[in-house]
Amino acid sequence: MQSSVQITFRGFEHSDFVEEKIREKAKKLDHYYPHISHCRVVIEAEHHRHHQGNLYDVRIDITVPDKEIVVSRKKHDKHAHEDAYVAIRDAFNAARRQLEDYARVHRGDVKSHEISSRGSQAKRSFPED
């Protein structure tokens, strides 16, 4: 990664283990696209009334040439995000998929479709009588 990873903890105390896991996952993103210029990760714990523990949200902002990729793993599946490491894993898996898609487009592996200024018109594929 061309720059360091910025990590912010909200709603719970800093954890060296969580920080190390985030840095490990962020470093692996270079494998999918090596021109990442900035990576910011925010992990937030929100105490939930119906559970004993916290629910975790992870947001990853990745800056690459001509684009910013944003991944936000909110607590849609509350059970999956009662564990900070699961929330981190899910967020970085989503970031990896978006980086892979961006890399394919950037390399030209994905064709872009030109949009006609008049809209699309269906052509007849049979001769007129």
N, C-alpha and C. Protein backbone atom coordinates (compact mmCIF):
# COMPACT_ATOMS: atom_id res chain seq x y z
N MET A 1 0.85 -1.17 0.00
CA MET A 1 0.00 0.00 0.00
C MET A 1 0.90 1.23 0.00
N GLN A 2 0.57 2.19 -0.82
CA GLN A 2 1.41 3.36 -0.97
C GLN A 2 1.40 4.25 0.26
N SER A 3 0.36 4.18 1.07
CA SER A 3 0.31 4.96 2.30
C SER A 3 -0.17 4.07 3.44
N SER A 4 -0.09 4.59 4.64
CA SER A 4 -0.48 3.80 5.79
C SER A 4 -2.00 3.74 5.94
N VAL A 5 -2.44 2.84 6.78
CA VAL A 5 -3.85 2.66 7.05
C VAL A 5 -4.22 3.49 8.26
N GLN A 6 -5.29 4.23 8.16
CA GLN A 6 -5.80 5.02 9.28
C GLN A 6 -6.95 4.24 9.90
N ILE A 7 -6.86 3.96 11.21
CA ILE A 7 -7.87 3.16 11.90
C ILE A 7 -8.46 3.99 13.03
N THR A 8 -9.79 4.01 13.09
CA THR A 8 -10.50 4.74 14.15
C THR A 8 -11.42 3.77 14.88
N PHE A 9 -11.35 3.81 16.21
CA PHE A 9 -12.23 3.02 17.06
C PHE A 9 -13.28 3.95 17.65
N ARG A 10 -14.53 3.56 17.59
CA ARG A 10 -15.60 4.36 18.19
C ARG A 10 -16.47 3.45 19.06
N GLY A 11 -16.76 3.91 20.27
CA GLY A 11 -17.66 3.19 21.14
C GLY A 11 -17.03 2.07 21.94
N PHE A 12 -15.74 1.84 21.76
CA PHE A 12 -15.02 0.85 22.57
C PHE A 12 -13.55 1.19 22.56
N GLU A 13 -12.84 0.65 23.52
CA GLU A 13 -11.43 0.96 23.67
C GLU A 13 -10.59 0.34 22.57
N HIS A 14 -9.51 1.01 22.26
CA HIS A 14 -8.55 0.53 21.28
C HIS A 14 -8.09 -0.88 21.64
N SER A 15 -7.99 -1.72 20.65
CA SER A 15 -7.51 -3.09 20.85
C SER A 15 -6.36 -3.35 19.88
N ASP A 16 -5.21 -3.74 20.42
CA ASP A 16 -4.07 -4.06 19.57
C ASP A 16 -4.38 -5.24 18.65
N PHE A 17 -5.14 -6.20 19.15
CA PHE A 17 -5.47 -7.38 18.35
C PHE A 17 -6.37 -7.01 17.17
N VAL A 18 -7.38 -6.17 17.43
CA VAL A 18 -8.28 -5.73 16.36
C VAL A 18 -7.50 -4.88 15.35
N GLU A 19 -6.66 -3.99 15.84
CA GLU A 19 -5.86 -3.15 14.94
C GLU A 19 -4.95 -4.01 14.07
N GLU A 20 -4.31 -5.01 14.64
CA GLU A 20 -3.42 -5.89 13.88
C GLU A 20 -4.20 -6.64 12.80
N LYS A 21 -5.40 -7.12 13.13
CA LYS A 21 -6.24 -7.83 12.15
C LYS A 21 -6.61 -6.90 11.00
N ILE A 22 -6.96 -5.66 11.31
CA ILE A 22 -7.32 -4.69 10.27
C ILE A 22 -6.11 -4.40 9.38
N ARG A 23 -4.94 -4.19 9.97
CA ARG A 23 -3.74 -3.92 9.18
C ARG A 23 -3.37 -5.11 8.29
N GLU A 24 -3.54 -6.30 8.81
CA GLU A 24 -3.27 -7.52 8.04
C GLU A 24 -4.21 -7.60 6.83
N LYS A 25 -5.48 -7.36 7.06
CA LYS A 25 -6.47 -7.41 5.96
C LYS A 25 -6.21 -6.30 4.95
N ALA A 26 -5.88 -5.11 5.43
CA ALA A 26 -5.63 -3.97 4.53
C ALA A 26 -4.41 -4.23 3.65
N LYS A 27 -3.38 -4.83 4.23
CA LYS A 27 -2.17 -5.13 3.45
C LYS A 27 -2.47 -6.10 2.32
N LYS A 28 -3.38 -7.03 2.55
CA LYS A 28 -3.73 -8.00 1.51
C LYS A 28 -4.48 -7.38 0.34
N LEU A 29 -5.08 -6.20 0.54
CA LEU A 29 -5.79 -5.54 -0.54
C LEU A 29 -4.87 -5.16 -1.68
N ASP A 30 -3.59 -4.93 -1.37
CA ASP A 30 -2.61 -4.61 -2.42
C ASP A 30 -2.50 -5.71 -3.46
N HIS A 31 -2.77 -6.92 -3.07
CA HIS A 31 -2.71 -8.06 -4.00
C HIS A 31 -3.75 -7.90 -5.11
N TYR A 32 -4.89 -7.30 -4.78
CA TYR A 32 -5.98 -7.17 -5.74
C TYR A 32 -5.88 -5.89 -6.56
N TYR A 33 -5.28 -4.84 -5.98
CA TYR A 33 -5.03 -3.61 -6.71
C TYR A 33 -3.91 -2.86 -6.01
N PRO A 34 -2.72 -2.82 -6.61
CA PRO A 34 -1.54 -2.29 -5.92
C PRO A 34 -1.44 -0.76 -5.84
N HIS A 35 -2.33 -0.04 -6.46
CA HIS A 35 -2.22 1.42 -6.51
C HIS A 35 -3.18 2.11 -5.54
N ILE A 36 -3.38 1.53 -4.37
CA ILE A 36 -4.21 2.15 -3.35
C ILE A 36 -3.42 3.29 -2.73
N SER A 37 -4.01 4.49 -2.73
CA SER A 37 -3.27 5.62 -2.17
C SER A 37 -3.65 5.91 -0.73
N HIS A 38 -4.84 5.48 -0.31
CA HIS A 38 -5.25 5.75 1.07
C HIS A 38 -6.30 4.72 1.50
N CYS A 39 -6.23 4.31 2.74
CA CYS A 39 -7.21 3.38 3.30
C CYS A 39 -7.56 3.84 4.71
N ARG A 40 -8.83 4.10 4.92
CA ARG A 40 -9.30 4.52 6.25
C ARG A 40 -10.36 3.51 6.70
N VAL A 41 -10.21 3.02 7.94
CA VAL A 41 -11.14 2.04 8.50
C VAL A 41 -11.69 2.59 9.80
N VAL A 42 -13.01 2.56 9.92
CA VAL A 42 -13.67 2.97 11.16
C VAL A 42 -14.44 1.75 11.65
N ILE A 43 -14.14 1.34 12.88
CA ILE A 43 -14.90 0.26 13.50
C ILE A 43 -15.61 0.84 14.70
N GLU A 44 -16.92 0.61 14.74
CA GLU A 44 -17.75 1.23 15.75
C GLU A 44 -18.55 0.17 16.48
N ALA A 45 -18.56 0.27 17.80
CA ALA A 45 -19.35 -0.64 18.63
C ALA A 45 -20.55 0.11 19.17
N GLU A 46 -21.69 -0.53 19.06
CA GLU A 46 -22.91 0.06 19.57
C GLU A 46 -23.52 -0.94 20.54
N HIS A 47 -23.72 -0.51 21.76
CA HIS A 47 -24.33 -1.41 22.74
C HIS A 47 -25.79 -1.63 22.37
N HIS A 48 -26.21 -2.87 22.39
CA HIS A 48 -27.57 -3.24 22.01
C HIS A 48 -28.33 -3.69 23.25
N ARG A 49 -29.54 -3.21 23.42
CA ARG A 49 -30.34 -3.50 24.60
C ARG A 49 -30.68 -4.98 24.76
N HIS A 50 -30.92 -5.68 23.67
CA HIS A 50 -31.41 -7.06 23.74
C HIS A 50 -30.28 -8.08 23.84
N HIS A 51 -29.07 -7.65 23.73
CA HIS A 51 -27.93 -8.56 23.79
C HIS A 51 -26.99 -8.13 24.90
N GLN A 52 -26.18 -9.02 25.33
CA GLN A 52 -25.20 -8.72 26.37
C GLN A 52 -24.03 -7.91 25.83
N GLY A 53 -23.68 -8.13 24.57
CA GLY A 53 -22.48 -7.50 24.01
C GLY A 53 -22.80 -6.35 23.08
N ASN A 54 -21.80 -6.01 22.28
CA ASN A 54 -21.91 -4.92 21.32
C ASN A 54 -22.25 -5.44 19.94
N LEU A 55 -22.74 -4.55 19.11
CA LEU A 55 -22.89 -4.81 17.68
C LEU A 55 -21.87 -3.93 16.98
N TYR A 56 -21.22 -4.46 15.95
CA TYR A 56 -20.11 -3.75 15.31
C TYR A 56 -20.44 -3.35 13.89
N ASP A 57 -20.10 -2.11 13.58
CA ASP A 57 -20.18 -1.58 12.22
C ASP A 57 -18.75 -1.32 11.76
N VAL A 58 -18.48 -1.66 10.50
CA VAL A 58 -17.15 -1.39 9.93
C VAL A 58 -17.35 -0.62 8.63
N ARG A 59 -16.62 0.46 8.50
CA ARG A 59 -16.63 1.25 7.26
C ARG A 59 -15.20 1.36 6.76
N ILE A 60 -15.02 1.08 5.47
CA ILE A 60 -13.70 1.16 4.84
C ILE A 60 -13.80 2.12 3.66
N ASP A 61 -12.94 3.13 3.66
CA ASP A 61 -12.82 4.08 2.56
C ASP A 61 -11.46 3.85 1.91
N ILE A 62 -11.48 3.48 0.63
CA ILE A 62 -10.24 3.20 -0.10
C ILE A 62 -10.15 4.17 -1.26
N THR A 63 -9.03 4.88 -1.34
CA THR A 63 -8.82 5.82 -2.43
C THR A 63 -7.87 5.18 -3.45
N VAL A 64 -8.36 5.09 -4.68
CA VAL A 64 -7.58 4.59 -5.82
C VAL A 64 -7.64 5.66 -6.90
N PRO A 65 -6.82 5.57 -7.93
CA PRO A 65 -6.86 6.58 -8.98
C PRO A 65 -8.27 6.76 -9.56
N ASP A 66 -8.74 7.97 -9.57
CA ASP A 66 -10.02 8.35 -10.18
C ASP A 66 -11.26 7.83 -9.45
N LYS A 67 -11.11 7.30 -8.23
CA LYS A 67 -12.28 6.73 -7.57
C LYS A 67 -12.05 6.58 -6.08
N GLU A 68 -13.13 6.61 -5.33
CA GLU A 68 -13.10 6.26 -3.92
C GLU A 68 -14.07 5.10 -3.73
N ILE A 69 -13.57 4.03 -3.17
CA ILE A 69 -14.38 2.84 -2.91
C ILE A 69 -14.79 2.88 -1.44
N VAL A 70 -16.09 2.78 -1.19
CA VAL A 70 -16.60 2.83 0.17
C VAL A 70 -17.34 1.54 0.46
N VAL A 71 -16.95 0.91 1.56
CA VAL A 71 -17.61 -0.30 2.01
C VAL A 71 -18.13 -0.03 3.41
N SER A 72 -19.40 -0.32 3.61
CA SER A 72 -19.98 -0.12 4.93
C SER A 72 -20.74 -1.38 5.30
N ARG A 73 -20.23 -2.11 6.27
CA ARG A 73 -20.88 -3.32 6.74
C ARG A 73 -21.65 -2.98 7.99
N LYS A 74 -22.86 -2.60 7.81
CA LYS A 74 -23.72 -2.26 8.95
C LYS A 74 -24.27 -3.55 9.55
N LYS A 75 -24.93 -3.41 10.63
CA LYS A 75 -25.42 -4.56 11.38
C LYS A 75 -26.75 -5.08 10.82
N HIS A 76 -26.82 -5.36 9.51
CA HIS A 76 -28.04 -5.89 8.92
C HIS A 76 -28.37 -7.26 9.50
N ASP A 77 -27.37 -8.12 9.60
CA ASP A 77 -27.53 -9.43 10.21
C ASP A 77 -26.88 -9.32 11.58
N LYS A 78 -27.67 -8.97 12.56
CA LYS A 78 -27.15 -8.61 13.87
C LYS A 78 -26.30 -9.71 14.50
N HIS A 79 -26.64 -10.95 14.29
CA HIS A 79 -25.87 -12.04 14.89
C HIS A 79 -24.47 -12.14 14.29
N ALA A 80 -24.37 -11.86 13.00
CA ALA A 80 -23.06 -11.95 12.34
C ALA A 80 -22.12 -10.85 12.80
N HIS A 81 -22.67 -9.75 13.32
CA HIS A 81 -21.83 -8.64 13.70
C HIS A 81 -21.74 -8.42 15.20
N GLU A 82 -22.05 -9.43 15.96
CA GLU A 82 -21.81 -9.37 17.40
C GLU A 82 -20.34 -9.62 17.69
N ASP A 83 -19.62 -10.07 16.69
CA ASP A 83 -18.19 -10.32 16.80
C ASP A 83 -17.45 -9.33 15.91
N ALA A 84 -16.54 -8.57 16.49
CA ALA A 84 -15.80 -7.56 15.72
C ALA A 84 -15.03 -8.19 14.57
N TYR A 85 -14.45 -9.37 14.80
CA TYR A 85 -13.64 -10.01 13.76
C TYR A 85 -14.49 -10.45 12.58
N VAL A 86 -15.72 -10.87 12.82
CA VAL A 86 -16.63 -11.24 11.74
C VAL A 86 -17.01 -10.00 10.93
N ALA A 87 -17.28 -8.91 11.62
CA ALA A 87 -17.62 -7.66 10.93
C ALA A 87 -16.45 -7.19 10.08
N ILE A 88 -15.24 -7.30 10.61
CA ILE A 88 -14.04 -6.90 9.85
C ILE A 88 -13.86 -7.80 8.64
N ARG A 89 -13.99 -9.10 8.84
CA ARG A 89 -13.85 -10.05 7.72
C ARG A 89 -14.84 -9.74 6.62
N ASP A 90 -16.11 -9.56 6.98
CA ASP A 90 -17.14 -9.28 5.97
C ASP A 90 -16.86 -7.99 5.22
N ALA A 91 -16.44 -6.96 5.94
CA ALA A 91 -16.16 -5.67 5.30
C ALA A 91 -14.99 -5.79 4.32
N PHE A 92 -13.92 -6.46 4.73
CA PHE A 92 -12.77 -6.59 3.84
C PHE A 92 -13.04 -7.52 2.68
N ASN A 93 -13.91 -8.51 2.85
CA ASN A 93 -14.31 -9.34 1.71
C ASN A 93 -15.06 -8.51 0.68
N ALA A 94 -15.93 -7.63 1.15
CA ALA A 94 -16.66 -6.74 0.23
C ALA A 94 -15.69 -5.77 -0.45
N ALA A 95 -14.72 -5.25 0.30
CA ALA A 95 -13.73 -4.33 -0.27
C ALA A 95 -12.90 -5.05 -1.34
N ARG A 96 -12.52 -6.28 -1.07
CA ARG A 96 -11.75 -7.07 -2.04
C ARG A 96 -12.54 -7.22 -3.34
N ARG A 97 -13.82 -7.57 -3.23
CA ARG A 97 -14.64 -7.75 -4.43
C ARG A 97 -14.75 -6.45 -5.23
N GLN A 98 -14.92 -5.32 -4.53
CA GLN A 98 -15.01 -4.04 -5.24
C GLN A 98 -13.68 -3.67 -5.89
N LEU A 99 -12.58 -3.95 -5.21
CA LEU A 99 -11.26 -3.67 -5.81
C LEU A 99 -11.02 -4.55 -7.03
N GLU A 100 -11.41 -5.82 -6.95
CA GLU A 100 -11.27 -6.71 -8.11
C GLU A 100 -12.07 -6.18 -9.29
N ASP A 101 -13.29 -5.73 -9.04
CA ASP A 101 -14.12 -5.16 -10.11
C ASP A 101 -13.47 -3.91 -10.69
N TYR A 102 -12.99 -3.03 -9.81
CA TYR A 102 -12.33 -1.80 -10.26
C TYR A 102 -11.10 -2.13 -11.09
N ALA A 103 -10.30 -3.09 -10.65
CA ALA A 103 -9.08 -3.47 -11.38
C ALA A 103 -9.42 -4.00 -12.77
N ARG A 104 -10.49 -4.80 -12.87
CA ARG A 104 -10.89 -5.33 -14.19
C ARG A 104 -11.30 -4.20 -15.13
N VAL A 105 -12.05 -3.25 -14.63
CA VAL A 105 -12.47 -2.12 -15.45
C VAL A 105 -11.25 -1.27 -15.82
N HIS A 106 -10.38 -1.02 -14.85
CA HIS A 106 -9.20 -0.20 -15.08
C HIS A 106 -8.26 -0.83 -16.12
N ARG A 107 -8.14 -2.15 -16.12
CA ARG A 107 -7.30 -2.85 -17.11
C ARG A 107 -7.96 -2.94 -18.47
N GLY A 108 -9.26 -2.70 -18.51
CA GLY A 108 -9.98 -2.81 -19.78
C GLY A 108 -10.54 -4.19 -20.02
N ASP A 109 -10.57 -5.03 -19.00
CA ASP A 109 -11.12 -6.37 -19.15
C ASP A 109 -12.64 -6.36 -19.28
N VAL A 110 -13.25 -5.28 -18.83
CA VAL A 110 -14.70 -5.15 -18.89
C VAL A 110 -15.02 -4.10 -19.94
N LYS A 111 -15.83 -4.49 -20.90
CA LYS A 111 -16.20 -3.56 -21.95
C LYS A 111 -17.26 -2.60 -21.44
N SER A 112 -17.10 -1.35 -21.81
CA SER A 112 -18.13 -0.38 -21.47
C SER A 112 -19.02 -0.20 -22.69
N HIS A 113 -20.29 0.01 -22.46
CA HIS A 113 -21.23 0.18 -23.55
C HIS A 113 -21.45 1.66 -23.80
N GLU A 114 -21.38 2.01 -25.07
CA GLU A 114 -21.63 3.40 -25.42
C GLU A 114 -23.13 3.63 -25.44
N ILE A 115 -23.53 4.77 -24.94
CA ILE A 115 -24.94 5.12 -24.91
C ILE A 115 -25.21 6.09 -26.05
N SER A 116 -26.16 5.74 -26.87
CA SER A 116 -26.53 6.58 -27.99
C SER A 116 -27.25 7.82 -27.48
N SER A 117 -27.01 8.94 -28.13
CA SER A 117 -27.68 10.18 -27.71
C SER A 117 -29.17 10.13 -28.02
N ARG A 118 -29.57 9.28 -28.97
CA ARG A 118 -30.98 9.18 -29.34
C ARG A 118 -31.66 8.03 -28.61
N GLY A 119 -30.94 7.32 -27.79
CA GLY A 119 -31.52 6.15 -27.13
C GLY A 119 -31.31 4.92 -27.99
N SER A 120 -31.73 3.81 -27.50
CA SER A 120 -31.52 2.58 -28.27
C SER A 120 -32.74 2.30 -29.12
N GLN A 121 -32.49 1.80 -30.30
CA GLN A 121 -33.56 1.42 -31.20
C GLN A 121 -33.34 -0.02 -31.61
N ALA A 122 -34.40 -0.77 -31.61
CA ALA A 122 -34.30 -2.17 -32.02
C ALA A 122 -34.28 -2.22 -33.55
N LYS A 123 -33.40 -3.02 -34.10
CA LYS A 123 -33.33 -3.19 -35.54
C LYS A 123 -34.09 -4.45 -35.92
N ARG A 124 -34.72 -4.39 -37.04
CA ARG A 124 -35.46 -5.57 -37.51
C ARG A 124 -34.46 -6.56 -38.08
N SER A 125 -34.61 -7.79 -37.69
CA SER A 125 -33.68 -8.81 -38.15
C SER A 125 -34.25 -9.64 -39.28
N PHE A 126 -35.35 -9.22 -39.86
CA PHE A 126 -35.95 -9.96 -40.99
C PHE A 126 -36.25 -8.96 -42.10
N PRO A 127 -36.17 -9.42 -43.33
CA PRO A 127 -36.40 -8.51 -44.47
C PRO A 127 -37.87 -8.07 -44.53
N GLU A 128 -38.03 -6.86 -44.99
CA GLU A 128 -39.39 -6.36 -45.14
C GLU A 128 -39.99 -6.93 -46.41
N ASP A 129 -41.29 -7.15 -46.35
CA ASP A 129 -41.99 -7.70 -47.52
C ASP A 129 -42.45 -6.63 -48.46
